[in-house]
Amino acid sequence: MFGEGNRKEVTAFAAERGAEFVFIPPRAPHFGLLWEAAVKSAKHLMLRTIADTALTFEELSTVLVGVEAILNSRPIAGSDDPNDGEAITPAHLLIGDSLMAVPEPTTGHI
């Protein structure tokens, strides 16, 4: 994937900005915790949607956008208060609203 020169260059670039790469062992997704759970969820949604169907690029893009919307609409934290309107989701942090929100009713004006 990366040559040794590129790896050193990327590592130096990240170190200048205070970032540090921490790699998990190969074939050990349980070390990844939350991000590996998100990968598992994305794979599950894609496999249930696509199965073994051959898709065009546009069809695959559409499926991926749907998977993204589902994953970014899952609650980050819930509330026990029944008066709360809706839970905070990653989509609220990205765009300020849920990606899976019900569309506004049309008024008949085009």
Protein backbone atom coordinates (compact mmCIF):
# COMPACT_ATOMS: atom_id res chain seq x y z
CA MET A 1 0.00 0.00 0.00
CA PHE A 2 2.54 2.63 1.11
CA GLY A 3 6.23 2.41 0.41
CA GLU A 4 8.57 2.91 3.36
CA GLY A 5 9.47 6.43 2.17
CA ASN A 6 5.81 7.44 1.96
CA ARG A 7 5.07 5.97 5.38
CA LYS A 8 7.88 8.01 6.98
CA GLU A 9 6.69 11.15 5.17
CA VAL A 10 3.09 10.70 6.33
CA THR A 11 4.19 9.90 9.89
CA ALA A 12 6.38 13.01 10.01
CA PHE A 13 3.55 15.17 8.60
CA ALA A 14 1.15 13.83 11.24
CA ALA A 15 3.69 14.24 14.06
CA GLU A 16 4.15 17.92 13.19
CA ARG A 17 0.43 18.37 13.79
CA GLY A 18 0.29 16.36 17.00
CA ALA A 19 -1.27 13.20 15.52
CA GLU A 20 0.02 9.73 16.23
CA PHE A 21 -0.77 6.55 14.32
CA VAL A 22 -1.73 3.57 16.46
CA PHE A 23 -2.16 0.35 14.52
CA ILE A 24 -4.08 -2.69 15.66
CA PRO A 25 -2.67 -6.17 15.04
CA PRO A 26 -3.67 -7.81 11.76
CA ARG A 27 -6.79 -10.02 11.93
CA ALA A 28 -7.73 -8.59 15.35
CA PRO A 29 -10.77 -6.38 14.78
CA HIS A 30 -11.74 -6.68 18.46
CA PHE A 31 -8.87 -4.25 19.18
CA GLY A 32 -10.65 -1.60 17.10
CA LEU A 33 -13.72 -1.27 19.36
CA LEU A 34 -16.12 1.39 18.11
CA TRP A 35 -14.80 1.96 14.60
CA GLU A 36 -14.69 -1.77 13.93
CA ALA A 37 -18.31 -2.00 15.13
CA ALA A 38 -19.18 0.72 12.61
CA VAL A 39 -17.38 -1.20 9.86
CA LYS A 40 -19.28 -4.36 10.84
CA SER A 41 -22.60 -2.45 10.72
CA ALA A 42 -21.78 -0.99 7.29
CA LYS A 43 -20.82 -4.41 5.92
CA HIS A 44 -23.99 -5.96 7.33
CA LEU A 45 -26.21 -3.29 5.77
CA MET A 46 -24.43 -3.58 2.42
CA LEU A 47 -24.62 -7.38 2.35
CA ARG A 48 -28.33 -7.34 3.19
CA THR A 49 -28.98 -4.75 0.50
CA ILE A 50 -26.73 -6.01 -2.29
CA ALA A 51 -26.28 -9.73 -1.54
CA ASP A 52 -24.47 -11.06 -4.63
CA THR A 53 -25.89 -8.58 -7.14
CA ALA A 54 -23.53 -6.93 -9.59
CA LEU A 55 -24.00 -3.15 -9.40
CA THR A 56 -22.94 -0.26 -11.57
CA PHE A 57 -20.88 2.52 -10.02
CA GLU A 58 -23.96 4.73 -9.68
CA GLU A 59 -25.98 1.95 -8.03
CA LEU A 60 -23.18 1.20 -5.59
CA SER A 61 -22.86 4.92 -4.81
CA THR A 62 -26.59 5.07 -4.08
CA VAL A 63 -26.37 2.08 -1.73
CA LEU A 64 -23.38 3.60 0.07
CA VAL A 65 -25.21 6.92 0.55
CA GLY A 66 -28.13 5.02 2.08
CA VAL A 67 -25.83 3.07 4.40
CA GLU A 68 -24.14 6.33 5.39
CA ALA A 69 -27.52 7.91 6.16
CA ILE A 70 -28.54 4.96 8.33
CA LEU A 71 -25.26 4.89 10.26
CA ASN A 72 -25.22 8.67 10.78
CA SER A 73 -28.83 8.58 12.00
CA ARG A 74 -28.20 6.19 14.88
CA PRO A 75 -28.46 7.87 18.29
CA ILE A 76 -25.22 8.82 20.02
CA ALA A 77 -26.91 9.06 23.40
CA GLY A 78 -30.49 8.67 24.40
CA SER A 79 -32.58 10.36 27.02
CA ASP A 80 -34.99 8.89 29.54
CA ASP A 81 -37.21 11.95 29.28
CA PRO A 82 -40.25 11.19 27.08
CA ASN A 83 -40.63 14.92 26.36
CA ASP A 84 -37.36 15.05 24.43
CA GLY A 85 -38.06 15.35 20.72
CA GLU A 86 -35.29 13.20 19.29
CA ALA A 87 -31.91 11.80 20.22
CA ILE A 88 -28.65 13.44 19.12
CA THR A 89 -27.11 11.62 16.16
CA PRO A 90 -23.87 12.08 14.18
CA ALA A 91 -26.00 13.71 11.47
CA HIS A 92 -26.98 16.46 13.92
CA LEU A 93 -23.29 17.25 14.35
CA LEU A 94 -22.65 17.11 10.59
CA ILE A 95 -25.64 18.99 9.15
CA GLY A 96 -27.73 20.07 12.14
CA ASP A 97 -30.61 17.65 11.50
CA SER A 98 -31.32 13.96 11.04
CA LEU A 99 -30.52 12.46 7.64
CA MET A 100 -33.49 10.15 7.95
CA ALA A 101 -35.95 12.91 8.82
CA VAL A 102 -39.42 12.84 7.32
CA PRO A 103 -39.50 15.18 4.30
CA GLU A 104 -41.43 18.43 4.56
CA PRO A 105 -44.90 18.23 2.98
CA THR A 106 -45.16 19.78 -0.44
CA THR A 107 -47.48 22.74 -0.92
CA GLY A 108 -48.24 21.96 -4.54
CA HIS A 109 -46.09 24.85 -5.80
CA ILE A 110 -43.29 23.84 -8.09
